Protein backbone atom coordinates (compact mmCIF):
# COMPACT_ATOMS: atom_id res chain seq x y z
CA MET A 1 32.38 -64.45 -12.95
CA HIS A 2 34.70 -63.27 -15.88
CA ARG A 3 33.69 -64.17 -19.42
CA GLN A 4 37.06 -64.08 -21.05
CA GLY A 5 37.80 -65.00 -24.64
CA PRO A 6 41.02 -66.68 -25.80
CA ASN A 7 44.10 -64.96 -24.35
CA THR A 8 45.99 -64.92 -27.64
CA GLU A 9 47.27 -61.34 -27.64
CA THR A 10 51.03 -61.35 -27.00
CA GLY A 11 51.84 -57.67 -27.28
CA GLY A 12 52.42 -55.62 -24.18
CA GLY A 13 54.08 -52.68 -22.56
CA THR A 14 51.11 -50.30 -22.81
CA GLN A 15 49.43 -49.38 -19.53
CA PRO A 16 46.05 -47.88 -18.65
CA ARG A 17 46.26 -44.12 -18.76
CA LYS A 18 46.85 -42.18 -15.55
CA TRP A 19 43.71 -40.34 -14.55
CA ARG A 20 43.46 -36.94 -12.91
CA PRO A 21 40.23 -35.53 -11.42
CA GLY A 22 38.55 -33.16 -13.82
CA GLU A 23 39.71 -34.87 -17.00
CA LEU A 24 36.83 -35.68 -19.32
CA ASP A 25 38.68 -37.77 -21.89
CA ALA A 26 40.78 -40.03 -19.70
CA GLY A 27 38.70 -43.16 -20.05
CA PHE A 28 36.91 -44.79 -17.11
CA PRO A 29 38.64 -44.13 -13.76
CA ILE A 30 39.25 -46.95 -11.30
CA VAL A 31 38.27 -45.53 -7.94
CA GLY A 32 38.50 -48.59 -5.70
CA ARG A 33 40.17 -51.96 -5.44
CA GLU A 34 40.18 -54.83 -2.96
CA ASP A 35 42.18 -58.05 -3.24
CA PHE A 36 40.27 -61.08 -2.00
CA SER A 37 43.09 -63.57 -2.63
CA ASP A 38 46.30 -63.99 -4.62
CA THR A 39 44.26 -64.20 -7.82
CA THR A 40 40.86 -62.61 -7.16
CA PHE A 41 40.28 -58.87 -6.86
CA ARG A 42 37.51 -56.28 -6.97
CA LEU A 43 37.53 -53.11 -9.06
CA ASP A 44 35.16 -50.16 -8.67
CA ILE A 45 34.89 -48.04 -11.84
CA ASP A 46 33.45 -44.54 -11.96
CA HIS A 47 30.73 -44.67 -14.62
CA PRO A 48 27.50 -42.94 -13.48
CA VAL A 49 25.59 -43.59 -16.72
CA MET A 50 26.32 -47.31 -16.67
CA ALA A 51 25.61 -47.55 -12.95
CA LYS A 52 22.18 -46.07 -13.61
CA ALA A 53 21.46 -48.45 -16.51
CA ALA A 54 22.89 -51.69 -15.09
CA ARG A 55 20.63 -54.56 -14.11
CA PRO A 56 21.39 -57.90 -12.41
CA GLY A 57 22.78 -60.50 -14.79
CA GLN A 58 24.31 -58.12 -17.33
CA PHE A 59 27.96 -57.84 -18.29
CA VAL A 60 30.45 -55.37 -19.71
CA ILE A 61 33.36 -55.59 -22.12
CA VAL A 62 36.52 -53.95 -20.82
CA VAL A 63 39.45 -52.69 -22.90
CA MET A 64 42.34 -52.04 -20.55
CA HIS A 65 44.56 -50.02 -22.92
CA ASP A 66 44.81 -49.27 -26.61
CA HIS A 67 46.59 -52.58 -27.35
CA SER A 68 44.39 -54.73 -25.13
CA GLU A 69 41.95 -57.42 -26.15
CA ARG A 70 38.27 -57.14 -25.27
CA ILE A 71 37.59 -58.74 -21.89
CA PRO A 72 33.97 -59.69 -21.06
CA LEU A 73 33.21 -59.46 -17.33
CA THR A 74 29.96 -59.90 -15.44
CA ILE A 75 28.75 -56.92 -13.42
CA ALA A 76 29.14 -57.92 -9.78
CA ASP A 77 27.51 -54.83 -8.29
CA PHE A 78 26.48 -51.26 -9.06
CA ASP A 79 25.83 -48.21 -6.91
CA ARG A 80 23.52 -45.70 -8.55
CA ASP A 81 24.15 -43.08 -5.85
CA LYS A 82 27.94 -43.24 -6.08
CA GLY A 83 27.89 -43.78 -9.84
CA THR A 84 30.14 -46.83 -9.71
CA VAL A 85 30.14 -50.26 -11.33
CA THR A 86 31.89 -53.15 -9.55
CA LEU A 87 33.70 -55.99 -11.29
CA VAL A 88 35.27 -59.01 -9.61
CA VAL A 89 38.11 -60.49 -11.65
CA GLN A 90 40.13 -63.68 -11.36
CA ALA A 91 43.65 -63.58 -12.81
CA VAL A 92 43.78 -66.79 -14.86
CA GLY A 93 44.95 -65.74 -18.34
CA LYS A 94 47.22 -63.19 -19.96
CA SER A 95 44.77 -60.29 -19.96
CA THR A 96 43.34 -60.81 -16.48
CA CYS A 97 46.86 -61.23 -15.05
CA GLU A 98 47.75 -57.95 -16.75
CA MET A 99 44.68 -56.35 -15.19
CA GLN A 100 45.74 -57.61 -11.78
CA GLN A 101 49.14 -55.97 -12.23
CA LEU A 102 48.08 -52.65 -13.74
CA CYS A 103 44.55 -51.82 -12.59
CA HIS A 104 44.67 -49.75 -9.42
CA PRO A 105 42.96 -46.56 -8.25
CA GLY A 106 44.50 -43.64 -10.08
CA VAL A 107 44.47 -45.22 -13.54
CA ALA A 108 41.63 -45.40 -16.06
CA LEU A 109 40.39 -48.17 -18.31
CA TYR A 110 40.73 -47.31 -21.98
CA GLY A 111 37.20 -48.51 -22.69
CA MET A 112 34.21 -50.15 -21.04
CA VAL A 113 31.11 -51.05 -23.05
CA GLY A 114 27.82 -52.00 -21.49
CA PRO A 115 25.64 -52.98 -19.86
CA MET A 116 25.32 -55.87 -22.32
CA GLY A 117 23.18 -58.98 -22.40
CA LEU A 118 19.60 -59.39 -21.26
CA PRO A 119 18.96 -58.52 -17.61
CA SER A 120 18.06 -61.45 -15.41
CA HIS A 121 14.33 -61.92 -15.10
CA VAL A 122 13.57 -61.36 -11.43
CA SER A 123 10.28 -63.21 -11.28
CA GLY A 124 7.56 -62.96 -8.72
CA ALA A 125 8.87 -66.10 -7.02
CA LYS A 126 8.15 -66.21 -3.30
CA LYS A 127 11.10 -68.42 -2.34
CA VAL A 128 14.36 -68.78 -4.28
CA ILE A 129 17.81 -70.29 -3.92
CA CYS A 130 20.65 -68.13 -5.29
CA ILE A 131 23.82 -70.17 -5.80
CA GLY A 132 27.33 -68.91 -6.49
CA GLY A 133 30.44 -71.00 -6.86
CA GLY A 134 33.94 -69.52 -6.74
CA LEU A 135 34.02 -66.36 -8.81
CA GLY A 136 30.30 -66.89 -9.54
CA VAL A 137 29.63 -65.70 -5.99
CA ALA A 138 30.12 -62.11 -7.16
CA PRO A 139 27.52 -61.93 -9.96
CA ILE A 140 24.92 -63.89 -8.00
CA PHE A 141 24.88 -61.14 -5.36
CA PRO A 142 22.90 -58.52 -7.35
CA GLN A 143 20.37 -61.21 -8.23
CA ALA A 144 19.92 -62.22 -4.59
CA ARG A 145 19.50 -58.56 -3.67
CA ALA A 146 16.96 -57.99 -6.45
CA PHE A 147 14.86 -60.96 -5.35
CA LYS A 148 14.96 -59.75 -1.75
CA GLU A 149 13.90 -56.25 -2.81
CA GLY A 150 11.06 -57.90 -4.73
CA GLY A 151 9.75 -59.52 -1.58
CA ALA A 152 11.09 -63.06 -2.01
CA TYR A 153 12.46 -65.31 0.72
CA VAL A 154 16.07 -65.72 -0.40
CA ILE A 155 18.31 -68.66 0.44
CA GLY A 156 21.92 -68.04 -0.53
CA VAL A 157 24.28 -70.93 -1.23
CA VAL A 158 27.91 -69.97 -1.87
CA GLY A 159 30.84 -72.28 -2.43
CA PHE A 160 34.61 -71.83 -2.08
CA ARG A 161 37.63 -74.09 -1.98
CA ASN A 162 38.48 -73.04 1.60
CA ARG A 163 37.81 -70.44 4.29
CA ASP A 164 40.59 -68.10 3.11
CA LEU A 165 38.85 -67.57 -0.26
CA ILE A 166 35.49 -66.48 1.17
CA PHE A 167 34.42 -62.95 0.27
CA TRP A 168 31.27 -60.81 0.60
CA GLU A 169 29.77 -62.94 3.35
CA ASP A 170 28.50 -59.79 5.06
CA LYS A 171 26.87 -58.50 1.86
CA PHE A 172 25.02 -61.78 1.38
CA ARG A 173 23.80 -61.91 4.97
CA GLN A 174 22.23 -58.49 4.44
CA CYS A 175 20.04 -59.70 1.56
CA CYS A 176 19.55 -63.40 2.31
CA ASP A 177 17.12 -64.84 4.80
CA GLU A 178 19.38 -67.89 5.03
CA LEU A 179 23.01 -68.28 3.93
CA ILE A 180 24.63 -71.66 3.43
CA ILE A 181 28.41 -71.61 2.99
CA CYS A 182 30.10 -74.64 1.45
CA THR A 183 33.85 -75.29 1.33
CA ASP A 184 35.68 -78.12 -0.39
CA ASP A 185 37.85 -78.79 2.65
CA GLY A 186 35.23 -78.14 5.33
CA SER A 187 37.17 -75.22 6.84
CA ALA A 188 33.92 -73.20 6.90
CA GLY A 189 30.26 -74.14 6.69
CA ILE A 190 29.32 -77.41 5.03
CA LYS A 191 32.13 -79.63 3.74
CA GLY A 192 31.42 -80.34 0.11
CA LEU A 193 30.06 -78.82 -3.07
CA VAL A 194 27.21 -76.35 -3.41
CA THR A 195 24.96 -79.24 -4.39
CA LYS A 196 24.98 -80.26 -0.72
CA GLY A 197 23.72 -76.81 0.13
CA ILE A 198 20.96 -77.14 -2.46
CA GLU A 199 19.92 -80.52 -1.08
CA GLN A 200 19.82 -79.12 2.44
CA ALA A 201 17.68 -76.17 1.36
CA ILE A 202 15.25 -78.36 -0.58
CA GLU A 203 14.96 -80.76 2.36
CA GLN A 204 14.07 -77.90 4.69
CA HIS A 205 11.83 -76.02 2.24
CA SER A 206 9.33 -77.91 0.11
CA ASP A 207 8.10 -74.74 -1.58
CA ILE A 208 11.16 -73.56 -3.54
CA ASP A 209 9.92 -71.74 -6.66
CA GLU A 210 13.17 -71.09 -8.47
CA VAL A 211 16.92 -71.71 -8.37
CA ILE A 212 19.53 -69.41 -9.92
CA ALA A 213 23.11 -70.67 -10.25
CA ILE A 214 26.29 -68.96 -11.45
CA GLY A 215 29.74 -70.50 -11.49
CA PRO A 216 31.95 -72.87 -13.47
CA PRO A 217 30.03 -74.90 -16.08
CA ILE A 218 30.62 -78.18 -14.25
CA MET A 219 29.12 -76.63 -11.11
CA MET A 220 26.07 -75.25 -12.92
CA LYS A 221 25.54 -78.63 -14.59
CA ALA A 222 25.61 -80.32 -11.17
CA CYS A 223 23.11 -77.78 -9.81
CA ALA A 224 20.73 -78.40 -12.71
CA GLU A 225 20.94 -82.15 -12.23
CA THR A 226 20.28 -81.76 -8.50
CA THR A 227 17.08 -79.77 -9.07
CA ARG A 228 15.84 -81.75 -12.08
CA PRO A 229 14.23 -84.61 -10.09
CA HIS A 230 12.35 -82.01 -8.03
CA GLY A 231 11.03 -80.15 -11.08
CA ILE A 232 12.33 -76.82 -9.77
CA LYS A 233 12.91 -74.12 -12.37
CA THR A 234 16.68 -73.59 -12.62
CA VAL A 235 18.34 -70.65 -14.36
CA VAL A 236 22.08 -70.57 -15.13
CA SER A 237 24.35 -67.82 -16.47
CA LEU A 238 26.62 -69.10 -19.26
CA ASN A 239 30.20 -68.02 -19.85
CA PRO A 240 31.26 -69.14 -23.34
CA ILE A 241 34.15 -67.61 -25.27
CA MET A 242 33.05 -64.17 -26.40
CA VAL A 243 34.66 -61.54 -28.64
CA ASP A 244 32.39 -58.69 -29.72
CA GLY A 245 29.41 -59.17 -27.40
CA THR A 246 26.89 -58.16 -30.06
CA GLY A 247 26.07 -61.50 -31.70
CA MET A 248 28.22 -60.89 -34.79
CA CYS A 249 31.23 -63.15 -34.16
CA GLY A 250 29.28 -66.28 -33.24
CA GLY A 251 31.93 -67.32 -30.75
CA CYS A 252 29.49 -67.50 -27.84
CA ARG A 253 27.00 -69.84 -29.46
CA VAL A 254 25.51 -72.41 -27.11
CA LYS A 255 23.14 -75.34 -27.50
CA ILE A 256 19.88 -74.87 -25.64
CA GLY A 257 17.65 -77.88 -26.23
CA ASP A 258 17.38 -78.21 -30.02
CA ARG A 259 18.30 -74.56 -30.65
CA ILE A 260 21.57 -72.73 -31.22
CA MET A 261 21.63 -69.41 -29.38
CA PHE A 262 24.14 -66.66 -28.61
CA ALA A 263 24.92 -66.02 -24.96
CA CYS A 264 25.74 -62.35 -25.55
CA VAL A 265 22.38 -61.32 -27.00
CA ASP A 266 20.02 -64.20 -26.11
CA GLY A 267 21.44 -64.59 -22.61
CA PRO A 268 23.54 -64.94 -20.62
CA ASP A 269 20.73 -66.56 -18.58
CA PHE A 270 19.19 -69.82 -19.82
CA ASP A 271 17.11 -72.72 -18.51
CA GLY A 272 19.70 -74.96 -16.88
CA HIS A 273 17.73 -78.10 -17.67
CA ASP A 274 17.99 -77.37 -21.41
CA VAL A 275 21.69 -76.39 -21.63
CA ASP A 276 24.13 -78.74 -23.35
CA PHE A 277 26.89 -78.31 -20.78
CA ASP A 278 29.18 -80.88 -22.41
CA ASP A 279 29.22 -78.86 -25.62
CA LEU A 280 29.85 -75.66 -23.63
CA MET A 281 32.80 -77.16 -21.77
CA ASN A 282 34.30 -78.56 -24.98
CA ARG A 283 34.13 -75.12 -26.61
CA LEU A 284 35.77 -73.49 -23.58
CA ARG A 285 38.76 -75.83 -24.01
CA ARG A 286 39.21 -74.95 -27.67
CA PHE A 287 41.95 -72.33 -27.20
CA LYS A 288 43.65 -73.71 -24.08
CA GLU A 289 47.03 -74.16 -25.77
CA GLU A 290 47.01 -70.64 -27.20
CA GLU A 291 45.98 -69.24 -23.83
CA HIS A 292 48.86 -70.97 -22.06
CA LEU A 293 51.35 -69.77 -24.67
CA ALA A 294 50.11 -66.16 -24.46
CA LEU A 295 50.33 -66.16 -20.67
CA ALA A 296 53.83 -67.66 -20.72
CA HIS A 297 54.98 -65.10 -23.30
CA TRP A 298 53.54 -62.21 -21.26
CA LYS A 299 55.17 -63.40 -18.03
CA GLU A 300 58.52 -63.68 -19.80
CA ASN A 301 58.49 -60.45 -21.77
CA CYS A 302 55.91 -57.95 -20.50
CA ARG A 303 56.86 -56.57 -17.12
CA ARG A 304 56.44 -53.22 -15.50
CA PRO A 305 59.06 -50.68 -16.60
CA GLY A 306 62.20 -51.14 -14.51
CA GLN A 307 61.10 -54.52 -13.13
CA GLU A 308 63.97 -56.98 -13.03
CA ARG A 309 63.58 -60.48 -14.40
CA SER A 310 63.20 -62.87 -11.51
């Protein structure tokens, strides 16, 4: 799931630097890409040190070029042997649309800072439900894998709008003892939201120790309310607006019970039953107008060199 701040930067024209094997100062090379849909894509970045340090639940801040804004993105996977870090991005604002256009194997990111945030606490739970909705399917994968490696019985619940948007089903089947797929239109798996998958899992398993959910705030709120009557511990990963990622800007503050906390340094994982989701969603809407204006300006003025106006 991407943790993008307000897309207010309207400059453009600069591209990630071309990378050639053997260069030591060319940034962070993109070595793989896969497009899951018209808006969602996977990037593999060569960064052996970060791949070694990364843990489930953490995120990075990407700077695409020397005029780019800082883009917080959750780590979707990491391969310590290959030395790569995987990000799954959804092109929804100016900067992520620019990434979709420019980020391909053969270019290098100007900067990538991380891993940031506290790693997810992979408890000694014996049976867990790992839930991902939409883009949240990507970052829930390393958590499901970590629980499986820790000896837990893992039930995966993943939700998409339709069959065509499903990705990583094979990866989840490798680390989940059960996998429940939910689609809004019923074109695959259960017809309905991931909450139906949660209810099905709870009905079939009376000994669920923990639930972990990642996705849009409204989805995580629904997950927390579904598990609340059952008293099942529920952890969510929050995605507030974030700028520096070090707790200095205060943009990512969230209300957890009667406390104000910062998602970048106190999280991003929190007890879902304590999160003020309404406050979170209100804060995420704060810069919507500026985001729309920035995206419109970029589409109108910032095209690839030689690209004709449509």
